[in-house]
Amino acid sequence: LGAVDDFLPACNAYLHRQREAEGF
């Protein structure tokens, strides 16, 4: 937050890389 212009796309990219992530 505040470090990138496109906050939600950056969060989405991080979560998409977490292959073992559960839930949404």
PDB file of all heavy atoms in Angstrom:
ATOM      1  N   LEU A   1       0.826  -1.198   0.000  1.00  0.00           N
ATOM      2  CA  LEU A   1       0.000   0.000   0.000  1.00  0.00           C
ATOM      3  C   LEU A   1       0.866   1.257   0.000  1.00  0.00           C
ATOM      4  O   LEU A   1       1.713   1.449   0.863  1.00  0.00           O
ATOM      5  CB  LEU A   1      -0.925   0.006   1.221  1.00  0.00           C
ATOM      6  CG  LEU A   1      -1.999   1.081   1.258  1.00  0.00           C
ATOM      7  CD1 LEU A   1      -3.028   0.838   0.153  1.00  0.00           C
ATOM      8  CD2 LEU A   1      -2.701   1.108   2.618  1.00  0.00           C
ATOM      9  N   GLY A   2       0.647   2.108  -0.956  1.00  0.00           N
ATOM     10  CA  GLY A   2       1.430   3.331  -1.072  1.00  0.00           C
ATOM     11  C   GLY A   2       2.750   3.148  -1.786  1.00  0.00           C
ATOM     12  O   GLY A   2       3.374   4.129  -2.208  1.00  0.00           O
ATOM     13  N   ALA A   3       3.211   1.899  -1.917  1.00  0.00           N
ATOM     14  CA  ALA A   3       4.487   1.649  -2.593  1.00  0.00           C
ATOM     15  C   ALA A   3       4.311   1.407  -4.082  1.00  0.00           C
ATOM     16  O   ALA A   3       5.270   1.527  -4.847  1.00  0.00           O
ATOM     17  CB  ALA A   3       5.197   0.457  -1.955  1.00  0.00           C
ATOM     18  N   VAL A   4       3.099   1.035  -4.496  1.00  0.00           N
ATOM     19  CA  VAL A   4       2.825   0.780  -5.912  1.00  0.00           C
ATOM     20  C   VAL A   4       1.599   1.594  -6.317  1.00  0.00           C
ATOM     21  O   VAL A   4       0.725   1.889  -5.496  1.00  0.00           O
ATOM     22  CB  VAL A   4       2.576  -0.721  -6.170  1.00  0.00           C
ATOM     23  CG1 VAL A   4       3.838  -1.529  -5.897  1.00  0.00           C
ATOM     24  CG2 VAL A   4       1.428  -1.250  -5.317  1.00  0.00           C
ATOM     25  N   ASP A   5       1.537   1.944  -7.591  1.00  0.00           N
ATOM     26  CA  ASP A   5       0.386   2.704  -8.085  1.00  0.00           C
ATOM     27  C   ASP A   5      -0.851   1.820  -8.219  1.00  0.00           C
ATOM     28  O   ASP A   5      -1.953   2.227  -7.863  1.00  0.00           O
ATOM     29  CB  ASP A   5       0.722   3.346  -9.438  1.00  0.00           C
ATOM     30  CG  ASP A   5       1.791   4.417  -9.319  1.00  0.00           C
ATOM     31  OD1 ASP A   5       1.860   5.042  -8.238  1.00  0.00           O
ATOM     32  OD2 ASP A   5       2.542   4.612 -10.286  1.00  0.00           O
ATOM     33  N   ASP A   6      -0.669   0.613  -8.739  1.00  0.00           N
ATOM     34  CA  ASP A   6      -1.786  -0.312  -8.918  1.00  0.00           C
ATOM     35  C   ASP A   6      -1.781  -1.297  -7.744  1.00  0.00           C
ATOM     36  O   ASP A   6      -1.212  -2.401  -7.832  1.00  0.00           O
ATOM     37  CB  ASP A   6      -1.666  -1.046 -10.253  1.00  0.00           C
ATOM     38  CG  ASP A   6      -1.744  -0.088 -11.429  1.00  0.00           C
ATOM     39  OD1 ASP A   6      -2.454   0.929 -11.307  1.00  0.00           O
ATOM     40  OD2 ASP A   6      -1.085  -0.344 -12.453  1.00  0.00           O
ATOM     41  N   PHE A   7      -2.422  -0.893  -6.659  1.00  0.00           N
ATOM     42  CA  PHE A   7      -2.347  -1.683  -5.423  1.00  0.00           C
ATOM     43  C   PHE A   7      -3.006  -3.047  -5.584  1.00  0.00           C
ATOM     44  O   PHE A   7      -2.397  -4.086  -5.311  1.00  0.00           O
ATOM     45  CB  PHE A   7      -3.002  -0.897  -4.282  1.00  0.00           C
ATOM     46  CG  PHE A   7      -3.173  -1.696  -3.022  1.00  0.00           C
ATOM     47  CD1 PHE A   7      -2.083  -2.040  -2.248  1.00  0.00           C
ATOM     48  CD2 PHE A   7      -4.444  -2.114  -2.616  1.00  0.00           C
ATOM     49  CE1 PHE A   7      -2.241  -2.788  -1.087  1.00  0.00           C
ATOM     50  CE2 PHE A   7      -4.610  -2.855  -1.454  1.00  0.00           C
ATOM     51  CZ  PHE A   7      -3.505  -3.190  -0.692  1.00  0.00           C
ATOM     52  N   LEU A   8      -4.265  -3.084  -5.987  1.00  0.00           N
ATOM     53  CA  LEU A   8      -4.974  -4.360  -6.078  1.00  0.00           C
ATOM     54  C   LEU A   8      -4.356  -5.314  -7.110  1.00  0.00           C
ATOM     55  O   LEU A   8      -4.237  -6.507  -6.833  1.00  0.00           O
ATOM     56  CB  LEU A   8      -6.454  -4.123  -6.377  1.00  0.00           C
ATOM     57  CG  LEU A   8      -7.269  -3.509  -5.229  1.00  0.00           C
ATOM     58  CD1 LEU A   8      -8.740  -3.395  -5.614  1.00  0.00           C
ATOM     59  CD2 LEU A   8      -7.121  -4.328  -3.952  1.00  0.00           C
ATOM     60  N   PRO A   9      -3.947  -4.840  -8.309  1.00  0.00           N
ATOM     61  CA  PRO A   9      -3.242  -5.766  -9.211  1.00  0.00           C
ATOM     62  C   PRO A   9      -1.969  -6.338  -8.620  1.00  0.00           C
ATOM     63  O   PRO A   9      -1.629  -7.501  -8.858  1.00  0.00           O
ATOM     64  CB  PRO A   9      -2.944  -4.890 -10.435  1.00  0.00           C
ATOM     65  CG  PRO A   9      -4.060  -3.880 -10.443  1.00  0.00           C
ATOM     66  CD  PRO A   9      -4.296  -3.579  -8.988  1.00  0.00           C
ATOM     67  N   ALA A  10      -1.253  -5.546  -7.810  1.00  0.00           N
ATOM     68  CA  ALA A  10      -0.041  -6.052  -7.169  1.00  0.00           C
ATOM     69  C   ALA A  10      -0.387  -7.122  -6.131  1.00  0.00           C
ATOM     70  O   ALA A  10       0.296  -8.144  -6.028  1.00  0.00           O
ATOM     71  CB  ALA A  10       0.728  -4.904  -6.526  1.00  0.00           C
ATOM     72  N   CYS A  11      -1.453  -6.892  -5.362  1.00  0.00           N
ATOM     73  CA  CYS A  11      -1.900  -7.898  -4.390  1.00  0.00           C
ATOM     74  C   CYS A  11      -2.352  -9.173  -5.095  1.00  0.00           C
ATOM     75  O   CYS A  11      -2.092 -10.287  -4.632  1.00  0.00           O
ATOM     76  CB  CYS A  11      -3.042  -7.341  -3.548  1.00  0.00           C
ATOM     77  SG  CYS A  11      -2.590  -5.960  -2.472  1.00  0.00           S
ATOM     78  N   ASN A  12      -3.033  -8.986  -6.219  1.00  0.00           N
ATOM     79  CA  ASN A  12      -3.503 -10.136  -6.984  1.00  0.00           C
ATOM     80  C   ASN A  12      -2.328 -10.957  -7.507  1.00  0.00           C
ATOM     81  O   ASN A  12      -2.349 -12.202  -7.466  1.00  0.00           O
ATOM     82  CB  ASN A  12      -4.372  -9.661  -8.149  1.00  0.00           C
ATOM     83  CG  ASN A  12      -4.872 -10.796  -9.005  1.00  0.00           C
ATOM     84  OD1 ASN A  12      -5.816 -11.491  -8.646  1.00  0.00           O
ATOM     85  ND2 ASN A  12      -4.237 -11.013 -10.141  1.00  0.00           N
ATOM     86  N   ALA A  13      -1.296 -10.291  -8.006  1.00  0.00           N
ATOM     87  CA  ALA A  13      -0.123 -11.004  -8.509  1.00  0.00           C
ATOM     88  C   ALA A  13       0.557 -11.791  -7.401  1.00  0.00           C
ATOM     89  O   ALA A  13       1.009 -12.924  -7.604  1.00  0.00           O
ATOM     90  CB  ALA A  13       0.857 -10.009  -9.142  1.00  0.00           C
ATOM     91  N   TYR A  14       0.625 -11.199  -6.215  1.00  0.00           N
ATOM     92  CA  TYR A  14       1.234 -11.903  -5.083  1.00  0.00           C
ATOM     93  C   TYR A  14       0.437 -13.155  -4.719  1.00  0.00           C
ATOM     94  O   TYR A  14       1.000 -14.243  -4.537  1.00  0.00           O
ATOM     95  CB  TYR A  14       1.331 -10.961  -3.877  1.00  0.00           C
ATOM     96  CG  TYR A  14       1.672 -11.674  -2.593  1.00  0.00           C
ATOM     97  CD1 TYR A  14       2.987 -12.036  -2.312  1.00  0.00           C
ATOM     98  CD2 TYR A  14       0.682 -11.979  -1.662  1.00  0.00           C
ATOM     99  CE1 TYR A  14       3.305 -12.705  -1.141  1.00  0.00           C
ATOM    100  CE2 TYR A  14       0.996 -12.641  -0.481  1.00  0.00           C
ATOM    101  CZ  TYR A  14       2.306 -13.008  -0.229  1.00  0.00           C
ATOM    102  OH  TYR A  14       2.616 -13.670   0.924  1.00  0.00           O
ATOM    103  N   LEU A  15      -0.879 -13.024  -4.586  1.00  0.00           N
ATOM    104  CA  LEU A  15      -1.710 -14.168  -4.211  1.00  0.00           C
ATOM    105  C   LEU A  15      -1.728 -15.236  -5.298  1.00  0.00           C
ATOM    106  O   LEU A  15      -1.804 -16.428  -4.999  1.00  0.00           O
ATOM    107  CB  LEU A  15      -3.135 -13.702  -3.910  1.00  0.00           C
ATOM    108  CG  LEU A  15      -3.312 -12.889  -2.629  1.00  0.00           C
ATOM    109  CD1 LEU A  15      -4.748 -12.382  -2.519  1.00  0.00           C
ATOM    110  CD2 LEU A  15      -2.956 -13.715  -1.401  1.00  0.00           C
ATOM    111  N   HIS A  16      -1.670 -14.815  -6.542  1.00  0.00           N
ATOM    112  CA  HIS A  16      -1.695 -15.783  -7.642  1.00  0.00           C
ATOM    113  C   HIS A  16      -0.435 -16.637  -7.655  1.00  0.00           C
ATOM    114  O   HIS A  16      -0.455 -17.787  -8.134  1.00  0.00           O
ATOM    115  CB  HIS A  16      -1.866 -15.060  -8.981  1.00  0.00           C
ATOM    116  CG  HIS A  16      -2.248 -15.972 -10.103  1.00  0.00           C
ATOM    117  ND1 HIS A  16      -1.314 -16.499 -10.976  1.00  0.00           N
ATOM    118  CD2 HIS A  16      -3.448 -16.476 -10.488  1.00  0.00           C
ATOM    119  CE1 HIS A  16      -1.923 -17.267 -11.857  1.00  0.00           C
ATOM    120  NE2 HIS A  16      -3.216 -17.269 -11.586  1.00  0.00           N
ATOM    121  N   ARG A  17       0.666 -16.098  -7.135  1.00  0.00           N
ATOM    122  CA  ARG A  17       1.910 -16.871  -7.057  1.00  0.00           C
ATOM    123  C   ARG A  17       1.896 -17.869  -5.910  1.00  0.00           C
ATOM    124  O   ARG A  17       2.687 -18.817  -5.901  1.00  0.00           O
ATOM    125  CB  ARG A  17       3.111 -15.936  -6.896  1.00  0.00           C
ATOM    126  CG  ARG A  17       3.425 -15.114  -8.136  1.00  0.00           C
ATOM    127  CD  ARG A  17       4.799 -14.484  -8.017  1.00  0.00           C
ATOM    128  NE  ARG A  17       4.908 -13.617  -6.863  1.00  0.00           N
ATOM    129  CZ  ARG A  17       4.681 -12.304  -6.877  1.00  0.00           C
ATOM    130  NH1 ARG A  17       4.324 -11.715  -8.021  1.00  0.00           N
ATOM    131  NH2 ARG A  17       4.820 -11.572  -5.786  1.00  0.00           N
ATOM    132  N   GLN A  18       1.009 -17.667  -4.937  1.00  0.00           N
ATOM    133  CA  GLN A  18       0.926 -18.583  -3.798  1.00  0.00           C
ATOM    134  C   GLN A  18       0.063 -19.777  -4.186  1.00  0.00           C
ATOM    135  O   GLN A  18      -1.144 -19.784  -4.004  1.00  0.00           O
ATOM    136  CB  GLN A  18       0.334 -17.873  -2.577  1.00  0.00           C
ATOM    137  CG  GLN A  18       0.979 -16.545  -2.245  1.00  0.00           C
ATOM    138  CD  GLN A  18       2.464 -16.669  -2.003  1.00  0.00           C
ATOM    139  OE1 GLN A  18       2.901 -17.507  -1.219  1.00  0.00           O
ATOM    140  NE2 GLN A  18       3.259 -15.833  -2.661  1.00  0.00           N
ATOM    141  N   ARG A  19       0.690 -20.800  -4.709  1.00  0.00           N
ATOM    142  CA  ARG A  19      -0.055 -21.939  -5.220  1.00  0.00           C
ATOM    143  C   ARG A  19      -0.763 -22.717  -4.122  1.00  0.00           C
ATOM    144  O   ARG A  19      -1.750 -23.389  -4.374  1.00  0.00           O
ATOM    145  CB  ARG A  19       0.897 -22.873  -5.976  1.00  0.00           C
ATOM    146  CG  ARG A  19       1.542 -22.219  -7.196  1.00  0.00           C
ATOM    147  CD  ARG A  19       2.463 -23.182  -7.909  1.00  0.00           C
ATOM    148  NE  ARG A  19       3.061 -22.560  -9.085  1.00  0.00           N
ATOM    149  CZ  ARG A  19       3.921 -23.180  -9.885  1.00  0.00           C
ATOM    150  NH1 ARG A  19       4.285 -24.424  -9.624  1.00  0.00           N
ATOM    151  NH2 ARG A  19       4.415 -22.554 -10.932  1.00  0.00           N
ATOM    152  N   GLU A  20      -0.240 -22.647  -2.898  1.00  0.00           N
ATOM    153  CA  GLU A  20      -0.834 -23.406  -1.810  1.00  0.00           C
ATOM    154  C   GLU A  20      -1.863 -22.592  -1.037  1.00  0.00           C
ATOM    155  O   GLU A  20      -2.344 -23.019  -0.007  1.00  0.00           O
ATOM    156  CB  GLU A  20       0.254 -23.893  -0.855  1.00  0.00           C
ATOM    157  CG  GLU A  20       1.263 -24.830  -1.517  1.00  0.00           C
ATOM    158  CD  GLU A  20       2.324 -25.299  -0.558  1.00  0.00           C
ATOM    159  OE1 GLU A  20       2.297 -24.843   0.607  1.00  0.00           O
ATOM    160  OE2 GLU A  20       3.175 -26.121  -0.952  1.00  0.00           O
ATOM    161  N   ALA A  21      -2.177 -21.399  -1.517  1.00  0.00           N
ATOM    162  CA  ALA A  21      -3.145 -20.553  -0.809  1.00  0.00           C
ATOM    163  C   ALA A  21      -4.520 -21.207  -0.828  1.00  0.00           C
ATOM    164  O   ALA A  21      -4.938 -21.809  -1.805  1.00  0.00           O
ATOM    165  CB  ALA A  21      -3.212 -19.182  -1.461  1.00  0.00           C
ATOM    166  N   GLU A  22      -5.229 -21.102   0.308  1.00  0.00           N
ATOM    167  CA  GLU A  22      -6.554 -21.672   0.437  1.00  0.00           C
ATOM    168  C   GLU A  22      -7.569 -20.557   0.603  1.00  0.00           C
ATOM    169  O   GLU A  22      -7.301 -19.535   1.225  1.00  0.00           O
ATOM    170  CB  GLU A  22      -6.607 -22.622   1.635  1.00  0.00           C
ATOM    171  CG  GLU A  22      -5.651 -23.803   1.528  1.00  0.00           C
ATOM    172  CD  GLU A  22      -5.714 -24.696   2.746  1.00  0.00           C
ATOM    173  OE1 GLU A  22      -6.461 -24.350   3.676  1.00  0.00           O
ATOM    174  OE2 GLU A  22      -5.026 -25.728   2.766  1.00  0.00           O
ATOM    175  N   GLY A  23      -8.763 -20.780   0.041  1.00  0.00           N
ATOM    176  CA  GLY A  23      -9.812 -19.785   0.187  1.00  0.00           C
ATOM    177  C   GLY A  23      -9.595 -18.617  -0.754  1.00  0.00           C
ATOM    178  O   GLY A  23      -8.720 -18.618  -1.620  1.00  0.00           O
ATOM    179  N   PHE A  24     -10.419 -17.599  -0.580  1.00  0.00           N
ATOM    180  CA  PHE A  24     -10.337 -16.429  -1.446  1.00  0.00           C
ATOM    181  C   PHE A  24     -10.158 -15.175  -0.602  1.00  0.00           C
ATOM    182  O   PHE A  24     -10.360 -15.179   0.616  1.00  0.00           O
ATOM    183  CB  PHE A  24     -11.605 -16.314  -2.306  1.00  0.00           C
ATOM    184  CG  PHE A  24     -12.866 -16.161  -1.507  1.00  0.00           C
ATOM    185  CD1 PHE A  24     -13.313 -14.922  -1.108  1.00  0.00           C
ATOM    186  CD2 PHE A  24     -13.610 -17.286  -1.167  1.00  0.00           C
ATOM    187  CE1 PHE A  24     -14.468 -14.775  -0.367  1.00  0.00           C
ATOM    188  CE2 PHE A  24     -14.778 -17.143  -0.420  1.00  0.00           C
ATOM    189  CZ  PHE A  24     -15.207 -15.895  -0.028  1.00  0.00           C
TER     190      PHE A  24
END
